[in-house]
Amino acid sequence: MQQVTVQQLGAWLDDPVRPKPLLLDVREPWEFDVCRIPGAQLMTMRSVPARFMELQREHGRERDMVLICHHGARSFQVAMFLEQQGFSNLYNLQGGVAAWAQQIDPDMPTY
């Protein structure tokens, strides 16, 4: 697993040549409803152990995947779990959506 800053992720998402990563948001639905990075898919942290095979079926274990939460702690834990399940190319978003709102999208609602 690697760490990715919000600036690095923003550049990645803006790059027309580089394949887009799967943005996996592991927060709770109410948090996701308040704010999210465009294109993110919700899979709550507590549901990942029961649902990670969906990720394998739909995206494979080698697809670039950026894990997202509010500040980066929950997503770090989920990335470690997925790594133990054989997933590679995992990135934890440092600072989470809070950093994204502060540094990339200041119009994003926060909580």
N, C-alpha and C. Protein backbone atom coordinates (compact mmCIF):
# COMPACT_ATOMS: atom_id res chain seq x y z
N MET A 1 0.83 -1.17 0.00
CA MET A 1 0.00 0.00 0.00
C MET A 1 0.88 1.24 0.00
N GLN A 2 0.40 2.23 -0.71
CA GLN A 2 1.10 3.50 -0.78
C GLN A 2 0.19 4.61 -0.26
N GLN A 3 0.79 5.72 0.08
CA GLN A 3 0.03 6.91 0.45
C GLN A 3 -0.03 7.82 -0.77
N VAL A 4 -1.15 8.51 -0.94
CA VAL A 4 -1.28 9.48 -2.01
C VAL A 4 -1.86 10.76 -1.41
N THR A 5 -1.28 11.89 -1.78
CA THR A 5 -1.79 13.17 -1.29
C THR A 5 -2.98 13.59 -2.14
N VAL A 6 -3.73 14.55 -1.65
CA VAL A 6 -4.87 15.04 -2.43
C VAL A 6 -4.40 15.72 -3.71
N GLN A 7 -3.23 16.37 -3.66
CA GLN A 7 -2.70 17.00 -4.87
C GLN A 7 -2.33 15.93 -5.91
N GLN A 8 -1.70 14.85 -5.45
CA GLN A 8 -1.34 13.76 -6.36
C GLN A 8 -2.60 13.13 -6.96
N LEU A 9 -3.62 12.90 -6.13
CA LEU A 9 -4.86 12.31 -6.65
C LEU A 9 -5.53 13.25 -7.63
N GLY A 10 -5.57 14.53 -7.32
CA GLY A 10 -6.17 15.50 -8.24
C GLY A 10 -5.48 15.48 -9.59
N ALA A 11 -4.15 15.45 -9.59
CA ALA A 11 -3.40 15.39 -10.85
C ALA A 11 -3.68 14.09 -11.59
N TRP A 12 -3.78 12.99 -10.85
CA TRP A 12 -4.07 11.69 -11.45
C TRP A 12 -5.44 11.72 -12.13
N LEU A 13 -6.43 12.23 -11.43
CA LEU A 13 -7.78 12.26 -11.99
C LEU A 13 -7.89 13.21 -13.18
N ASP A 14 -7.05 14.24 -13.21
CA ASP A 14 -7.07 15.20 -14.32
C ASP A 14 -6.25 14.74 -15.53
N ASP A 15 -5.44 13.70 -15.35
CA ASP A 15 -4.57 13.21 -16.43
C ASP A 15 -5.40 12.44 -17.44
N PRO A 16 -5.51 12.95 -18.68
CA PRO A 16 -6.34 12.28 -19.68
C PRO A 16 -5.76 10.96 -20.19
N VAL A 17 -4.48 10.71 -19.92
CA VAL A 17 -3.81 9.52 -20.44
C VAL A 17 -3.79 8.39 -19.40
N ARG A 18 -3.59 8.73 -18.16
CA ARG A 18 -3.46 7.72 -17.11
C ARG A 18 -4.81 7.12 -16.76
N PRO A 19 -4.91 5.78 -16.72
CA PRO A 19 -6.19 5.15 -16.35
C PRO A 19 -6.64 5.60 -14.96
N LYS A 20 -7.93 5.85 -14.82
CA LYS A 20 -8.49 6.32 -13.56
C LYS A 20 -8.51 5.18 -12.53
N PRO A 21 -8.21 5.51 -11.27
CA PRO A 21 -8.30 4.49 -10.23
C PRO A 21 -9.74 4.30 -9.79
N LEU A 22 -9.99 3.19 -9.14
CA LEU A 22 -11.26 3.01 -8.44
C LEU A 22 -11.16 3.82 -7.17
N LEU A 23 -12.11 4.72 -6.95
CA LEU A 23 -12.16 5.52 -5.72
C LEU A 23 -13.14 4.83 -4.78
N LEU A 24 -12.62 4.20 -3.75
CA LEU A 24 -13.46 3.45 -2.81
C LEU A 24 -13.56 4.21 -1.50
N ASP A 25 -14.75 4.74 -1.25
CA ASP A 25 -15.02 5.53 -0.05
C ASP A 25 -15.56 4.59 1.01
N VAL A 26 -14.89 4.52 2.17
CA VAL A 26 -15.27 3.54 3.19
C VAL A 26 -15.99 4.19 4.38
N ARG A 27 -16.46 5.42 4.21
CA ARG A 27 -17.19 6.10 5.28
C ARG A 27 -18.62 5.57 5.37
N GLU A 28 -19.36 6.12 6.31
CA GLU A 28 -20.76 5.76 6.49
C GLU A 28 -21.62 6.48 5.45
N PRO A 29 -22.82 5.93 5.13
CA PRO A 29 -23.67 6.57 4.12
C PRO A 29 -23.99 8.04 4.42
N TRP A 30 -24.22 8.38 5.69
CA TRP A 30 -24.54 9.78 5.99
C TRP A 30 -23.36 10.69 5.67
N GLU A 31 -22.14 10.21 5.86
CA GLU A 31 -20.96 11.00 5.54
C GLU A 31 -20.83 11.18 4.02
N PHE A 32 -21.06 10.10 3.31
CA PHE A 32 -21.00 10.10 1.85
C PHE A 32 -22.05 11.06 1.28
N ASP A 33 -23.22 11.13 1.94
CA ASP A 33 -24.28 12.03 1.49
C ASP A 33 -23.90 13.50 1.67
N VAL A 34 -23.10 13.79 2.70
CA VAL A 34 -22.69 15.17 2.95
C VAL A 34 -21.70 15.64 1.90
N CYS A 35 -20.70 14.82 1.60
CA CYS A 35 -19.68 15.20 0.63
C CYS A 35 -18.97 13.96 0.12
N ARG A 36 -18.48 14.06 -1.10
CA ARG A 36 -17.73 12.96 -1.70
C ARG A 36 -16.90 13.48 -2.85
N ILE A 37 -15.85 12.75 -3.15
CA ILE A 37 -15.05 13.05 -4.32
C ILE A 37 -15.81 12.50 -5.53
N PRO A 38 -15.99 13.30 -6.56
CA PRO A 38 -16.74 12.83 -7.72
C PRO A 38 -16.21 11.50 -8.26
N GLY A 39 -17.12 10.58 -8.50
CA GLY A 39 -16.77 9.28 -9.03
C GLY A 39 -16.52 8.22 -7.99
N ALA A 40 -16.51 8.60 -6.71
CA ALA A 40 -16.24 7.63 -5.65
C ALA A 40 -17.40 6.65 -5.48
N GLN A 41 -17.05 5.44 -5.14
CA GLN A 41 -18.01 4.36 -4.89
C GLN A 41 -18.01 4.10 -3.38
N LEU A 42 -19.19 3.99 -2.79
CA LEU A 42 -19.31 3.76 -1.35
C LEU A 42 -19.32 2.27 -1.02
N MET A 43 -18.46 1.89 -0.07
CA MET A 43 -18.48 0.55 0.53
C MET A 43 -18.00 0.77 1.96
N THR A 44 -18.92 0.80 2.90
CA THR A 44 -18.57 1.13 4.27
C THR A 44 -17.50 0.19 4.82
N MET A 45 -16.71 0.74 5.72
CA MET A 45 -15.61 -0.03 6.32
C MET A 45 -16.12 -1.35 6.90
N ARG A 46 -17.23 -1.29 7.61
CA ARG A 46 -17.73 -2.50 8.27
C ARG A 46 -18.23 -3.55 7.27
N SER A 47 -18.55 -3.13 6.04
CA SER A 47 -19.06 -4.08 5.05
C SER A 47 -17.95 -4.70 4.20
N VAL A 48 -16.75 -4.14 4.23
CA VAL A 48 -15.67 -4.61 3.37
C VAL A 48 -15.34 -6.09 3.58
N PRO A 49 -15.22 -6.59 4.83
CA PRO A 49 -14.89 -8.01 4.98
C PRO A 49 -15.90 -8.95 4.32
N ALA A 50 -17.16 -8.55 4.30
CA ALA A 50 -18.19 -9.39 3.67
C ALA A 50 -18.32 -9.15 2.17
N ARG A 51 -17.80 -8.00 1.69
CA ARG A 51 -18.04 -7.63 0.30
C ARG A 51 -16.79 -7.53 -0.57
N PHE A 52 -15.59 -7.78 -0.03
CA PHE A 52 -14.39 -7.53 -0.82
C PHE A 52 -14.32 -8.40 -2.08
N MET A 53 -15.00 -9.55 -2.07
CA MET A 53 -14.99 -10.38 -3.29
C MET A 53 -15.71 -9.68 -4.44
N GLU A 54 -16.66 -8.79 -4.13
CA GLU A 54 -17.30 -7.99 -5.18
C GLU A 54 -16.25 -7.14 -5.90
N LEU A 55 -15.34 -6.58 -5.13
CA LEU A 55 -14.27 -5.76 -5.73
C LEU A 55 -13.42 -6.61 -6.67
N GLN A 56 -13.12 -7.82 -6.25
CA GLN A 56 -12.32 -8.71 -7.10
C GLN A 56 -13.06 -9.04 -8.38
N ARG A 57 -14.34 -9.40 -8.25
CA ARG A 57 -15.13 -9.75 -9.44
C ARG A 57 -15.28 -8.58 -10.40
N GLU A 58 -15.57 -7.40 -9.86
CA GLU A 58 -15.87 -6.25 -10.70
C GLU A 58 -14.63 -5.53 -11.22
N HIS A 59 -13.53 -5.56 -10.44
CA HIS A 59 -12.39 -4.73 -10.79
C HIS A 59 -11.06 -5.48 -10.83
N GLY A 60 -11.01 -6.69 -10.31
CA GLY A 60 -9.76 -7.43 -10.24
C GLY A 60 -8.93 -6.99 -9.04
N ARG A 61 -7.92 -7.79 -8.73
CA ARG A 61 -7.07 -7.49 -7.57
C ARG A 61 -5.92 -6.55 -7.92
N GLU A 62 -5.71 -6.28 -9.20
CA GLU A 62 -4.57 -5.46 -9.61
C GLU A 62 -4.95 -4.03 -9.98
N ARG A 63 -6.23 -3.71 -10.05
CA ARG A 63 -6.63 -2.36 -10.45
C ARG A 63 -6.17 -1.35 -9.40
N ASP A 64 -5.72 -0.19 -9.87
CA ASP A 64 -5.39 0.90 -8.96
C ASP A 64 -6.64 1.27 -8.17
N MET A 65 -6.50 1.32 -6.85
CA MET A 65 -7.64 1.61 -5.98
C MET A 65 -7.19 2.62 -4.93
N VAL A 66 -7.93 3.73 -4.84
CA VAL A 66 -7.66 4.73 -3.82
C VAL A 66 -8.73 4.60 -2.75
N LEU A 67 -8.30 4.36 -1.51
CA LEU A 67 -9.20 4.23 -0.38
C LEU A 67 -9.37 5.59 0.27
N ILE A 68 -10.64 5.93 0.57
CA ILE A 68 -10.97 7.27 1.05
C ILE A 68 -11.84 7.18 2.30
N CYS A 69 -11.55 8.04 3.27
CA CYS A 69 -12.44 8.23 4.42
C CYS A 69 -12.38 9.70 4.81
N HIS A 70 -12.76 10.02 6.03
CA HIS A 70 -12.81 11.42 6.46
C HIS A 70 -11.41 12.01 6.61
N HIS A 71 -10.52 11.33 7.34
CA HIS A 71 -9.18 11.86 7.58
C HIS A 71 -8.05 10.92 7.15
N GLY A 72 -8.36 9.69 6.77
CA GLY A 72 -7.34 8.77 6.28
C GLY A 72 -7.05 7.58 7.17
N ALA A 73 -7.65 7.51 8.36
CA ALA A 73 -7.36 6.39 9.27
C ALA A 73 -8.15 5.13 8.91
N ARG A 74 -9.45 5.27 8.71
CA ARG A 74 -10.27 4.11 8.35
C ARG A 74 -9.84 3.55 7.01
N SER A 75 -9.58 4.43 6.05
CA SER A 75 -9.17 3.95 4.72
C SER A 75 -7.83 3.23 4.80
N PHE A 76 -6.94 3.68 5.68
CA PHE A 76 -5.66 3.00 5.87
C PHE A 76 -5.90 1.57 6.37
N GLN A 77 -6.80 1.41 7.33
CA GLN A 77 -7.10 0.08 7.86
C GLN A 77 -7.71 -0.82 6.79
N VAL A 78 -8.60 -0.27 5.99
CA VAL A 78 -9.23 -1.06 4.92
C VAL A 78 -8.18 -1.44 3.88
N ALA A 79 -7.29 -0.53 3.54
CA ALA A 79 -6.23 -0.85 2.58
C ALA A 79 -5.35 -1.98 3.10
N MET A 80 -5.02 -1.95 4.39
CA MET A 80 -4.22 -3.03 4.97
C MET A 80 -4.97 -4.36 4.89
N PHE A 81 -6.28 -4.34 5.15
CA PHE A 81 -7.08 -5.56 5.06
C PHE A 81 -7.08 -6.08 3.62
N LEU A 82 -7.33 -5.20 2.66
CA LEU A 82 -7.38 -5.63 1.25
C LEU A 82 -6.03 -6.16 0.79
N GLU A 83 -4.97 -5.55 1.27
CA GLU A 83 -3.63 -6.03 0.93
C GLU A 83 -3.44 -7.47 1.44
N GLN A 84 -3.93 -7.74 2.63
CA GLN A 84 -3.85 -9.10 3.19
C GLN A 84 -4.68 -10.09 2.38
N GLN A 85 -5.68 -9.61 1.66
CA GLN A 85 -6.53 -10.46 0.83
C GLN A 85 -5.96 -10.62 -0.58
N GLY A 86 -4.79 -10.05 -0.83
CA GLY A 86 -4.14 -10.23 -2.13
C GLY A 86 -4.31 -9.10 -3.11
N PHE A 87 -4.94 -8.01 -2.70
CA PHE A 87 -5.07 -6.86 -3.60
C PHE A 87 -3.75 -6.11 -3.64
N SER A 88 -3.43 -5.59 -4.81
CA SER A 88 -2.22 -4.78 -4.97
C SER A 88 -2.63 -3.43 -5.54
N ASN A 89 -1.68 -2.55 -5.69
CA ASN A 89 -1.95 -1.21 -6.25
C ASN A 89 -2.97 -0.44 -5.43
N LEU A 90 -2.80 -0.51 -4.12
CA LEU A 90 -3.69 0.19 -3.18
C LEU A 90 -3.04 1.49 -2.75
N TYR A 91 -3.86 2.53 -2.67
CA TYR A 91 -3.40 3.85 -2.25
C TYR A 91 -4.35 4.37 -1.18
N ASN A 92 -3.79 4.87 -0.09
CA ASN A 92 -4.59 5.50 0.95
C ASN A 92 -4.52 7.02 0.74
N LEU A 93 -5.69 7.66 0.73
CA LEU A 93 -5.72 9.12 0.55
C LEU A 93 -5.38 9.80 1.87
N GLN A 94 -4.21 10.41 1.93
CA GLN A 94 -3.77 11.11 3.13
C GLN A 94 -4.68 12.29 3.41
N GLY A 95 -5.20 12.36 4.62
CA GLY A 95 -6.05 13.48 5.00
C GLY A 95 -7.50 13.33 4.58
N GLY A 96 -7.81 12.33 3.76
CA GLY A 96 -9.19 12.02 3.36
C GLY A 96 -9.93 13.18 2.70
N VAL A 97 -11.27 13.09 2.77
CA VAL A 97 -12.09 14.12 2.14
C VAL A 97 -11.94 15.47 2.83
N ALA A 98 -11.53 15.46 4.10
CA ALA A 98 -11.30 16.73 4.80
C ALA A 98 -10.18 17.51 4.11
N ALA A 99 -9.09 16.82 3.78
CA ALA A 99 -7.98 17.46 3.07
C ALA A 99 -8.39 17.84 1.65
N TRP A 100 -9.18 16.99 1.00
CA TRP A 100 -9.66 17.29 -0.36
C TRP A 100 -10.46 18.60 -0.35
N ALA A 101 -11.37 18.73 0.62
CA ALA A 101 -12.19 19.93 0.71
C ALA A 101 -11.33 21.16 1.01
N GLN A 102 -10.36 21.00 1.85
CA GLN A 102 -9.52 22.13 2.25
C GLN A 102 -8.57 22.56 1.13
N GLN A 103 -7.98 21.59 0.42
CA GLN A 103 -6.91 21.91 -0.51
C GLN A 103 -7.28 21.86 -1.99
N ILE A 104 -8.32 21.09 -2.33
CA ILE A 104 -8.66 20.91 -3.75
C ILE A 104 -10.00 21.54 -4.10
N ASP A 105 -11.02 21.30 -3.28
CA ASP A 105 -12.38 21.77 -3.58
C ASP A 105 -12.96 22.52 -2.38
N PRO A 106 -12.60 23.80 -2.23
CA PRO A 106 -13.06 24.55 -1.06
C PRO A 106 -14.58 24.78 -1.02
N ASP A 107 -15.28 24.50 -2.11
CA ASP A 107 -16.74 24.62 -2.12
C ASP A 107 -17.42 23.35 -1.60
N MET A 108 -16.64 22.29 -1.38
CA MET A 108 -17.21 21.02 -0.90
C MET A 108 -17.73 21.22 0.52
N PRO A 109 -18.95 20.73 0.80
CA PRO A 109 -19.43 20.78 2.18
C PRO A 109 -18.52 19.95 3.09
N THR A 110 -18.43 20.34 4.35
CA THR A 110 -17.62 19.60 5.31
C THR A 110 -18.44 19.29 6.55
N TYR A 111 -17.91 18.43 7.38
CA TYR A 111 -18.57 18.08 8.64
C TYR A 111 -17.53 17.83 9.70
